Amino acid sequence: MRMPGRWWRHKSTPEKVETYTRWSFHFFAVMEFFSVGVTSVAPLGMRLGSAALLVVALHATVCFVTVSRAIDWTRGRRPQPTGLMWTLGAVTAVIATAALALAEHGPHREGVDSAAGGVFGVILIFGPGIIALGVRSRRRAFGITGVFAAGAGVVALAFGAPALTALFTALVVLLGGMFIAFTAVFSVWLLNAVYELDEARETRTRLAVAEERLRFGRDLHDVMGRNLAVIALKSELAVQLAQRGRAEAVPQMVEVQRLAQESQREVREVVRGYREADLGSELVGAQGVLAAAGIDCRLGGLPVAGLPAAVRSALGWVVREAATNVLRHGDAQRCDVRLRVLEGRVVLSVENDGVSEEGVESGAGPSGSGLAGLRERLAKIDGTLEAGPVGRGLFRLTAQIPLPSPSTASGAAPATVAVRSVSEVTS
């Protein structure tokens, strides 16, 4: 029982919807075989019943294959199964006609009419509905059902059925076929919508990363562009002066050296600002990134104001690493972030679901070299970090950092920490 569960959990949300859609329509074919194929053996007798069972099995098999090819075509993996749909339509028409002929001119035994009528109705309802999976136009999908319903009424009249009976037969086929066709059209629309939403979410995440890279590149260009241009010009001038043996080359190279050192300092400042992690910004950023990935991120507690700068920076790194791990590992649907002050310690906990069963059993979970770096960073301010599974499919990361006491803090440090929400921090 564990293997199917793992197989299902390892699928993405669109893949799960596709699997559900595919096997729902496969079940229609299985249901057709057992509902009218198997049950027709007893009333029709061994000879006719076996023949009916074989033809229904043939129709169910063609339906089964058509479902797979049509859904693959919907996702762009195969060409449209036009020939297979024509085959299914022809098989449906032939079997339905044979079943109606058996009901009108077959053996006059008890149950023959109901068995043949059941084969006739179910075949004509499921056949056009399955064909609708491979048709892109909704009007055409419903039109195919209407054609089969009209054909059922005409064939019933041709075999001598009363006009009212033929009309009723066509109406039953029309309503049943329309229901299956509508289910097929809606399922295909829903499947495509889920895939499009997933692609849009991935695009949004990639755009956020690209925007951050552009920002960093723009900052570097603003800092280095002018200095590098001046360094190039002065170096060229110094070379020309040196080639002529003029002493003015030395001051030019001194200026080049100064500009190079200034550029190094400015680059370090840019990188330091890029690497600094502010707790409030990281909380808001983590919530936005996780939401873009389809993960419900809830923030609670959140005492931000009044924390020392070193504590805010360290906890900001914890939030950044935790959000990265949630995105990289497992298939999380929710993530709860809670930040509290308990007994002179700041406690940050990040809990998410979606951890694979084998990861929970091994105690690995979403961990990596990043957590080792966090432990080293927190250890510098006497903080601790714990990470591990806490339940079935759950993983929790907890960071604790002691707050400086009022006696050791510089100036009049507050004894308590004010509590503000993230919206207040970012406003």
Protein backbone atom coordinates (compact mmCIF):
# COMPACT_ATOMS: atom_id res chain seq x y z
CA MET A 1 0.00 0.00 0.00
CA ARG A 2 2.98 2.29 0.43
CA MET A 3 4.26 2.09 -3.13
CA PRO A 4 1.07 3.51 -4.79
CA GLY A 5 1.06 6.28 -2.20
CA ARG A 6 4.63 7.25 -3.01
CA TRP A 7 3.88 7.09 -6.73
CA TRP A 8 0.96 9.48 -6.26
CA ARG A 9 2.75 11.91 -3.93
CA HIS A 10 5.70 12.25 -6.28
CA LYS A 11 3.44 13.59 -9.04
CA SER A 12 2.92 17.30 -9.52
CA THR A 13 -0.57 18.77 -9.19
CA PRO A 14 -1.18 18.90 -12.97
CA GLU A 15 0.03 15.31 -13.33
CA LYS A 16 -2.37 14.24 -10.58
CA VAL A 17 -5.28 15.96 -12.36
CA GLU A 18 -4.28 14.32 -15.63
CA THR A 19 -4.06 10.87 -14.02
CA TYR A 20 -7.45 11.35 -12.38
CA THR A 21 -9.03 12.46 -15.67
CA ARG A 22 -7.47 9.64 -17.65
CA TRP A 23 -8.55 6.87 -15.28
CA SER A 24 -12.02 8.34 -14.79
CA PHE A 25 -12.73 7.85 -18.49
CA HIS A 26 -10.97 4.48 -18.48
CA PHE A 27 -13.41 3.50 -15.76
CA PHE A 28 -16.28 4.30 -18.16
CA ALA A 29 -14.99 1.57 -20.48
CA VAL A 30 -14.63 -0.88 -17.59
CA MET A 31 -18.10 -0.01 -16.34
CA GLU A 32 -19.52 -0.55 -19.83
CA PHE A 33 -18.00 -4.03 -20.01
CA PHE A 34 -19.35 -5.17 -16.66
CA SER A 35 -22.72 -3.38 -16.75
CA VAL A 36 -23.95 -4.64 -20.15
CA GLY A 37 -21.34 -7.12 -21.36
CA VAL A 38 -21.15 -9.51 -18.44
CA THR A 39 -24.80 -9.12 -17.45
CA SER A 40 -26.06 -9.99 -20.96
CA VAL A 41 -24.63 -13.53 -20.94
CA ALA A 42 -27.34 -15.07 -18.75
CA PRO A 43 -30.47 -13.67 -20.49
CA LEU A 44 -29.10 -14.17 -24.03
CA GLY A 45 -27.80 -17.65 -23.47
CA MET A 46 -24.30 -19.02 -23.85
CA ARG A 47 -24.01 -18.55 -27.61
CA LEU A 48 -25.53 -15.10 -28.06
CA GLY A 49 -24.32 -13.97 -24.63
CA SER A 50 -20.72 -14.86 -25.42
CA ALA A 51 -20.97 -13.00 -28.74
CA ALA A 52 -22.44 -9.96 -26.97
CA LEU A 53 -19.70 -10.12 -24.35
CA LEU A 54 -17.02 -10.17 -27.04
CA VAL A 55 -18.42 -7.23 -29.01
CA VAL A 56 -18.90 -5.16 -25.84
CA ALA A 57 -15.32 -6.03 -24.82
CA LEU A 58 -14.17 -4.90 -28.27
CA HIS A 59 -16.02 -1.61 -27.91
CA ALA A 60 -14.65 -1.07 -24.37
CA THR A 61 -11.11 -1.76 -25.60
CA VAL A 62 -11.43 0.77 -28.42
CA CYS A 63 -12.83 3.29 -25.92
CA PHE A 64 -9.93 2.60 -23.55
CA VAL A 65 -7.32 3.21 -26.24
CA THR A 66 -9.15 6.27 -27.57
CA VAL A 67 -9.17 7.86 -24.11
CA SER A 68 -5.39 7.53 -23.80
CA ARG A 69 -4.65 8.81 -27.30
CA ALA A 70 -7.14 11.69 -27.03
CA ILE A 71 -5.74 12.94 -23.72
CA ASP A 72 -2.20 12.65 -25.07
CA TRP A 73 -3.31 14.71 -28.08
CA THR A 74 -4.87 17.28 -25.74
CA ARG A 75 -1.48 17.71 -24.05
CA GLY A 76 0.36 17.90 -27.40
CA ARG A 77 2.17 14.57 -27.06
CA ARG A 78 0.51 12.78 -30.01
CA PRO A 79 -1.29 13.72 -33.22
CA GLN A 80 -5.07 13.83 -33.13
CA PRO A 81 -6.40 10.23 -33.18
CA THR A 82 -8.79 10.88 -36.07
CA GLY A 83 -8.66 7.35 -37.44
CA LEU A 84 -9.22 5.85 -34.01
CA MET A 85 -12.23 8.08 -33.40
CA TRP A 86 -13.75 7.10 -36.76
CA THR A 87 -13.15 3.47 -35.83
CA LEU A 88 -14.88 3.96 -32.48
CA GLY A 89 -17.81 5.66 -34.19
CA ALA A 90 -18.17 2.84 -36.72
CA VAL A 91 -17.91 0.13 -34.06
CA THR A 92 -20.47 1.97 -31.93
CA ALA A 93 -22.91 2.24 -34.82
CA VAL A 94 -22.53 -1.41 -35.87
CA ILE A 95 -22.91 -2.81 -32.35
CA ALA A 96 -25.88 -0.56 -31.57
CA THR A 97 -27.61 -1.61 -34.83
CA ALA A 98 -26.94 -5.28 -34.12
CA ALA A 99 -28.29 -4.92 -30.59
CA LEU A 100 -31.47 -3.25 -31.85
CA ALA A 101 -31.91 -5.94 -34.49
CA LEU A 102 -31.50 -8.60 -31.80
CA ALA A 103 -34.16 -6.93 -29.68
CA GLU A 104 -36.63 -6.75 -32.58
CA HIS A 105 -35.97 -10.03 -34.39
CA GLY A 106 -34.02 -12.17 -31.93
CA PRO A 107 -35.22 -15.04 -29.75
CA HIS A 108 -38.41 -14.31 -27.86
CA ARG A 109 -37.08 -15.25 -24.47
CA GLU A 110 -37.49 -13.44 -21.21
CA GLY A 111 -34.74 -10.86 -20.72
CA VAL A 112 -33.53 -10.75 -24.32
CA ASP A 113 -35.14 -7.38 -25.08
CA SER A 114 -33.82 -5.76 -21.90
CA ALA A 115 -30.29 -7.14 -22.41
CA ALA A 116 -30.16 -6.05 -26.04
CA GLY A 117 -31.67 -2.68 -25.16
CA GLY A 118 -29.07 -2.19 -22.45
CA VAL A 119 -26.23 -2.87 -24.89
CA PHE A 120 -27.86 -0.52 -27.41
CA GLY A 121 -28.27 2.35 -24.96
CA VAL A 122 -24.95 2.13 -23.13
CA ILE A 123 -22.93 1.74 -26.34
CA LEU A 124 -24.57 4.77 -27.93
CA ILE A 125 -24.11 6.87 -24.79
CA PHE A 126 -20.48 6.05 -24.03
CA GLY A 127 -19.22 5.96 -27.62
CA PRO A 128 -19.93 9.60 -28.62
CA GLY A 129 -18.90 10.80 -25.16
CA ILE A 130 -15.46 9.22 -25.52
CA ILE A 131 -15.11 10.62 -29.05
CA ALA A 132 -15.73 14.11 -27.60
CA LEU A 133 -12.38 13.87 -25.79
CA GLY A 134 -10.57 14.08 -29.12
CA VAL A 135 -12.56 17.01 -30.54
CA ARG A 136 -11.41 20.56 -29.88
CA SER A 137 -14.66 22.32 -30.81
CA ARG A 138 -17.42 22.08 -28.21
CA ARG A 139 -20.14 22.48 -30.83
CA ARG A 140 -18.70 19.62 -32.83
CA ALA A 141 -18.46 17.46 -29.71
CA PHE A 142 -22.12 17.99 -28.87
CA GLY A 143 -23.05 17.72 -32.55
CA ILE A 144 -21.57 14.20 -32.72
CA THR A 145 -23.84 13.17 -29.85
CA GLY A 146 -26.82 14.67 -31.65
CA VAL A 147 -25.99 12.74 -34.83
CA PHE A 148 -25.84 9.45 -32.94
CA ALA A 149 -29.12 10.22 -31.15
CA ALA A 150 -30.84 11.03 -34.45
CA GLY A 151 -29.38 7.88 -35.98
CA ALA A 152 -30.71 5.82 -33.09
CA GLY A 153 -34.21 7.15 -33.69
CA VAL A 154 -34.03 6.49 -37.45
CA VAL A 155 -32.73 2.94 -36.99
CA ALA A 156 -35.45 2.25 -34.41
CA LEU A 157 -38.09 3.37 -36.94
CA ALA A 158 -36.47 1.25 -39.65
CA PHE A 159 -36.77 -1.85 -37.47
CA GLY A 160 -40.48 -1.25 -36.99
CA ALA A 161 -40.57 0.54 -33.65
CA PRO A 162 -43.45 2.99 -33.10
CA ALA A 163 -42.70 6.65 -33.68
CA LEU A 164 -43.14 7.51 -30.01
CA THR A 165 -40.75 4.71 -28.98
CA ALA A 166 -38.18 5.83 -31.56
CA LEU A 167 -38.44 9.41 -30.33
CA PHE A 168 -38.05 8.31 -26.73
CA THR A 169 -35.01 6.20 -27.68
CA ALA A 170 -33.39 9.14 -29.45
CA LEU A 171 -34.10 11.41 -26.48
CA VAL A 172 -32.53 8.97 -23.99
CA VAL A 173 -29.42 8.59 -26.18
CA LEU A 174 -29.22 12.36 -26.62
CA LEU A 175 -29.44 13.15 -22.90
CA GLY A 176 -27.02 10.41 -21.85
CA GLY A 177 -24.56 11.20 -24.62
CA MET A 178 -24.73 14.93 -23.89
CA PHE A 179 -23.92 14.27 -20.24
CA ILE A 180 -20.83 12.18 -21.08
CA ALA A 181 -19.78 14.66 -23.79
CA PHE A 182 -20.15 17.58 -21.38
CA THR A 183 -18.08 15.69 -18.82
CA ALA A 184 -15.38 15.10 -21.44
CA VAL A 185 -15.32 18.72 -22.64
CA PHE A 186 -15.23 20.08 -19.08
CA SER A 187 -12.50 17.63 -18.03
CA VAL A 188 -10.29 18.61 -20.97
CA TRP A 189 -10.83 22.30 -20.21
CA LEU A 190 -10.00 21.79 -16.54
CA LEU A 191 -6.88 19.75 -17.36
CA ASN A 192 -5.56 22.41 -19.73
CA ALA A 193 -6.34 25.17 -17.21
CA VAL A 194 -4.40 23.40 -14.46
CA TYR A 195 -1.36 22.98 -16.70
CA GLU A 196 -1.54 26.61 -17.80
CA LEU A 197 -1.75 27.81 -14.20
CA ASP A 198 1.24 25.67 -13.26
CA GLU A 199 3.24 27.06 -16.19
CA ALA A 200 2.24 30.60 -15.21
CA ARG A 201 3.40 29.96 -11.63
CA GLU A 202 6.77 28.68 -12.85
CA THR A 203 7.09 31.66 -15.19
CA ARG A 204 6.34 34.03 -12.32
CA THR A 205 9.04 32.41 -10.19
CA ARG A 206 11.58 32.59 -13.01
CA LEU A 207 10.71 36.25 -13.62
CA ALA A 208 11.24 37.03 -9.93
CA VAL A 209 14.69 35.43 -10.07
CA ALA A 210 15.51 37.21 -13.33
CA GLU A 211 14.38 40.54 -11.88
CA GLU A 212 16.65 40.07 -8.88
CA ARG A 213 19.57 39.24 -11.16
CA LEU A 214 18.87 42.32 -13.24
CA ARG A 215 18.76 44.45 -10.11
CA PHE A 216 22.09 43.11 -8.94
CA GLY A 217 23.60 43.56 -12.41
CA ARG A 218 22.23 47.10 -12.61
CA ASP A 219 23.75 47.98 -9.23
CA LEU A 220 27.12 46.60 -10.26
CA HIS A 221 26.97 48.49 -13.55
CA ASP A 222 26.12 51.74 -11.79
CA VAL A 223 29.00 51.27 -9.36
CA MET A 224 31.66 49.91 -11.71
CA GLY A 225 30.79 51.41 -15.09
CA ARG A 226 32.20 54.90 -14.56
CA ASN A 227 35.22 53.77 -12.54
CA LEU A 228 36.23 51.14 -15.08
CA ALA A 229 35.93 53.66 -17.92
CA VAL A 230 38.16 56.13 -16.05
CA ILE A 231 40.65 53.36 -15.17
CA ALA A 232 40.87 52.34 -18.84
CA LEU A 233 41.49 55.91 -20.01
CA LYS A 234 44.09 56.69 -17.35
CA SER A 235 45.87 53.37 -17.92
CA GLU A 236 46.06 54.10 -21.66
CA LEU A 237 47.38 57.58 -20.92
CA ALA A 238 49.96 56.21 -18.46
CA VAL A 239 51.17 53.70 -21.09
CA GLN A 240 51.64 56.44 -23.67
CA LEU A 241 53.46 58.67 -21.16
CA ALA A 242 55.69 55.78 -20.05
CA GLN A 243 56.56 54.95 -23.66
CA ARG A 244 57.70 58.55 -24.10
CA GLY A 245 59.72 58.40 -20.88
CA ARG A 246 57.72 61.11 -19.17
CA ALA A 247 57.42 61.24 -15.38
CA GLU A 248 53.70 62.13 -15.53
CA ALA A 249 52.96 58.40 -16.01
CA VAL A 250 53.56 57.73 -12.30
CA PRO A 251 50.76 60.04 -10.98
CA GLN A 252 48.38 58.56 -13.55
CA MET A 253 49.10 55.02 -12.32
CA VAL A 254 48.69 56.17 -8.72
CA GLU A 255 45.27 57.49 -9.67
CA VAL A 256 44.48 54.19 -11.38
CA GLN A 257 45.45 52.36 -8.18
CA ARG A 258 43.22 54.64 -6.12
CA LEU A 259 40.28 54.11 -8.45
CA ALA A 260 40.79 50.34 -8.36
CA GLN A 261 40.78 50.34 -4.56
CA GLU A 262 37.71 52.56 -4.51
CA SER A 263 35.95 50.20 -6.92
CA GLN A 264 36.79 47.23 -4.71
CA ARG A 265 35.31 49.01 -1.72
CA GLU A 266 32.13 49.91 -3.59
CA VAL A 267 31.70 46.36 -4.92
CA ARG A 268 32.07 45.00 -1.39
CA GLU A 269 29.36 47.40 -0.23
CA VAL A 270 27.03 46.29 -3.02
CA VAL A 271 27.63 42.62 -2.29
CA ARG A 272 27.27 43.18 1.45
CA GLY A 273 23.96 44.93 0.94
CA TYR A 274 22.83 42.15 -1.38
CA ARG A 275 23.79 39.49 1.14
CA GLU A 276 22.34 41.16 4.21
CA ALA A 277 19.07 39.56 5.27
CA ASP A 278 16.48 41.78 6.94
CA LEU A 279 13.88 39.79 8.91
CA GLY A 280 10.84 41.79 7.89
CA SER A 281 11.80 41.82 4.21
CA GLU A 282 12.64 38.12 4.23
CA LEU A 283 9.29 37.23 5.81
CA VAL A 284 7.37 39.19 3.20
CA GLY A 285 9.59 37.87 0.41
CA ALA A 286 9.22 34.26 1.57
CA GLN A 287 5.46 34.58 1.69
CA GLY A 288 5.40 36.03 -1.83
CA VAL A 289 7.72 33.42 -3.32
CA LEU A 290 5.88 30.50 -1.70
CA ALA A 291 2.53 31.91 -2.78
CA ALA A 292 3.85 32.16 -6.34
CA ALA A 293 4.74 28.47 -6.10
CA GLY A 294 1.19 27.60 -5.00
CA ILE A 295 2.09 27.09 -1.31
CA ASP A 296 -0.13 28.63 1.37
CA CYS A 297 2.31 30.50 3.63
CA ARG A 298 0.86 31.73 6.93
CA LEU A 299 2.73 34.11 9.24
CA GLY A 300 1.99 34.21 12.96
CA GLY A 301 3.32 35.83 16.12
CA LEU A 302 5.98 37.93 14.43
CA PRO A 303 7.65 40.17 17.04
CA VAL A 304 9.93 42.29 14.85
CA ALA A 305 10.38 45.74 16.33
CA GLY A 306 12.98 46.07 19.06
CA LEU A 307 15.07 43.05 18.12
CA PRO A 308 18.83 43.65 17.88
CA ALA A 309 20.18 44.06 14.37
CA ALA A 310 22.31 40.91 14.60
CA VAL A 311 19.29 38.86 15.66
CA ARG A 312 17.14 40.24 12.84
CA SER A 313 19.86 39.51 10.28
CA ALA A 314 20.42 35.95 11.53
CA LEU A 315 16.71 35.15 11.59
CA GLY A 316 16.36 36.66 8.13
CA TRP A 317 18.90 34.12 6.89
CA VAL A 318 16.93 31.34 8.59
CA VAL A 319 13.71 32.41 6.85
CA ARG A 320 15.48 32.63 3.49
CA GLU A 321 17.04 29.17 3.80
CA ALA A 322 13.81 27.63 5.12
CA ALA A 323 11.79 29.02 2.21
CA THR A 324 14.40 27.71 -0.23
CA ASN A 325 14.21 24.24 1.30
CA VAL A 326 10.41 24.22 1.16
CA LEU A 327 10.56 25.01 -2.57
CA ARG A 328 13.31 22.50 -3.35
CA HIS A 329 12.22 19.50 -1.32
CA GLY A 330 8.93 17.59 -1.18
CA ASP A 331 5.60 18.81 -2.49
CA ALA A 332 4.41 21.26 0.15
CA GLN A 333 0.90 22.67 0.14
CA ARG A 334 1.25 24.86 3.24
CA CYS A 335 3.99 26.47 5.29
CA ASP A 336 3.51 28.02 8.74
CA VAL A 337 6.02 30.57 10.04
CA ARG A 338 5.82 31.57 13.68
CA LEU A 339 8.11 33.98 15.54
CA ARG A 340 7.87 34.47 19.31
CA VAL A 341 9.80 35.77 22.29
CA LEU A 342 9.87 33.18 25.10
CA GLU A 343 11.85 33.55 28.32
CA GLY A 344 14.42 35.92 26.90
CA ARG A 345 14.88 33.97 23.67
CA VAL A 346 13.61 34.64 20.17
CA VAL A 347 12.12 31.45 18.73
CA LEU A 348 11.47 31.12 14.99
CA SER A 349 9.71 27.98 13.72
CA VAL A 350 8.98 27.08 10.10
CA GLU A 351 6.78 24.03 9.53
CA ASN A 352 5.70 22.61 6.18
CA ASP A 353 3.96 19.51 4.88
CA GLY A 354 4.61 17.52 1.72
CA VAL A 355 7.74 15.72 2.93
CA SER A 356 8.05 12.30 1.31
CA GLU A 357 7.49 9.26 3.48
CA GLU A 358 10.99 7.92 2.97
CA GLY A 359 12.42 11.31 3.92
CA VAL A 360 10.44 11.31 7.17
CA GLU A 361 11.48 7.76 7.99
CA SER A 362 15.16 8.49 7.40
CA GLY A 363 15.01 11.76 9.31
CA ALA A 364 16.53 13.60 6.38
CA GLY A 365 13.73 15.82 5.25
CA PRO A 366 14.50 19.07 3.49
CA SER A 367 18.01 19.52 4.77
CA GLY A 368 21.34 20.27 3.15
CA SER A 369 24.58 22.15 3.46
CA GLY A 370 22.62 25.37 3.92
CA LEU A 371 21.47 24.26 7.37
CA ALA A 372 25.07 23.63 8.43
CA GLY A 373 25.91 27.19 7.42
CA LEU A 374 22.94 28.49 9.40
CA ARG A 375 24.08 26.62 12.52
CA GLU A 376 27.51 28.22 12.21
CA ARG A 377 25.97 31.66 11.76
CA LEU A 378 23.64 31.24 14.74
CA ALA A 379 26.42 29.83 16.91
CA LYS A 380 28.26 33.16 16.66
CA ILE A 381 25.41 34.80 18.62
CA ASP A 382 24.80 31.77 20.90
CA GLY A 383 21.83 30.62 18.84
CA THR A 384 20.73 27.07 18.03
CA LEU A 385 19.01 25.43 15.09
CA GLU A 386 16.95 22.24 15.10
CA ALA A 387 15.46 20.62 11.99
CA GLY A 388 13.65 17.33 11.53
CA PRO A 389 10.34 15.54 10.96
CA VAL A 390 7.61 16.12 13.54
CA GLY A 391 4.79 14.03 12.14
CA ARG A 392 3.49 12.22 9.09
CA GLY A 393 4.77 14.23 6.14
CA LEU A 394 5.62 17.26 8.33
CA PHE A 395 8.99 18.96 8.75
CA ARG A 396 9.86 21.69 11.23
CA LEU A 397 12.84 24.00 11.45
CA THR A 398 13.30 25.85 14.77
CA ALA A 399 15.87 28.57 15.49
CA GLN A 400 16.44 30.02 18.97
CA ILE A 401 18.55 33.07 19.75
CA PRO A 402 19.00 34.55 23.26
CA LEU A 403 18.23 38.22 23.66
CA PRO A 404 20.78 40.43 25.44
CA SER A 405 19.82 41.25 29.00
CA PRO A 406 19.16 44.89 29.94
CA SER A 407 22.34 44.96 32.02
CA THR A 408 24.57 43.87 29.15
CA ALA A 409 22.83 45.78 26.40
CA SER A 410 24.26 49.19 25.57
CA GLY A 411 22.18 52.10 26.75
CA ALA A 412 18.65 51.57 28.04
CA ALA A 413 17.69 48.45 26.19
CA PRO A 414 14.01 47.57 26.43
CA ALA A 415 13.14 44.63 28.65
CA THR A 416 10.33 43.53 26.36
CA VAL A 417 10.00 43.31 22.62
CA ALA A 418 7.22 45.19 20.87
CA VAL A 419 5.01 43.14 18.57
CA ARG A 420 4.05 44.33 15.13
CA SER A 421 2.67 42.59 12.11
CA VAL A 422 4.52 42.21 8.85
CA SER A 423 2.18 44.64 7.17
CA GLU A 424 3.24 47.30 9.71
CA VAL A 425 6.90 46.54 9.11
CA THR A 426 6.64 46.88 5.37
CA SER A 427 4.29 49.85 5.32
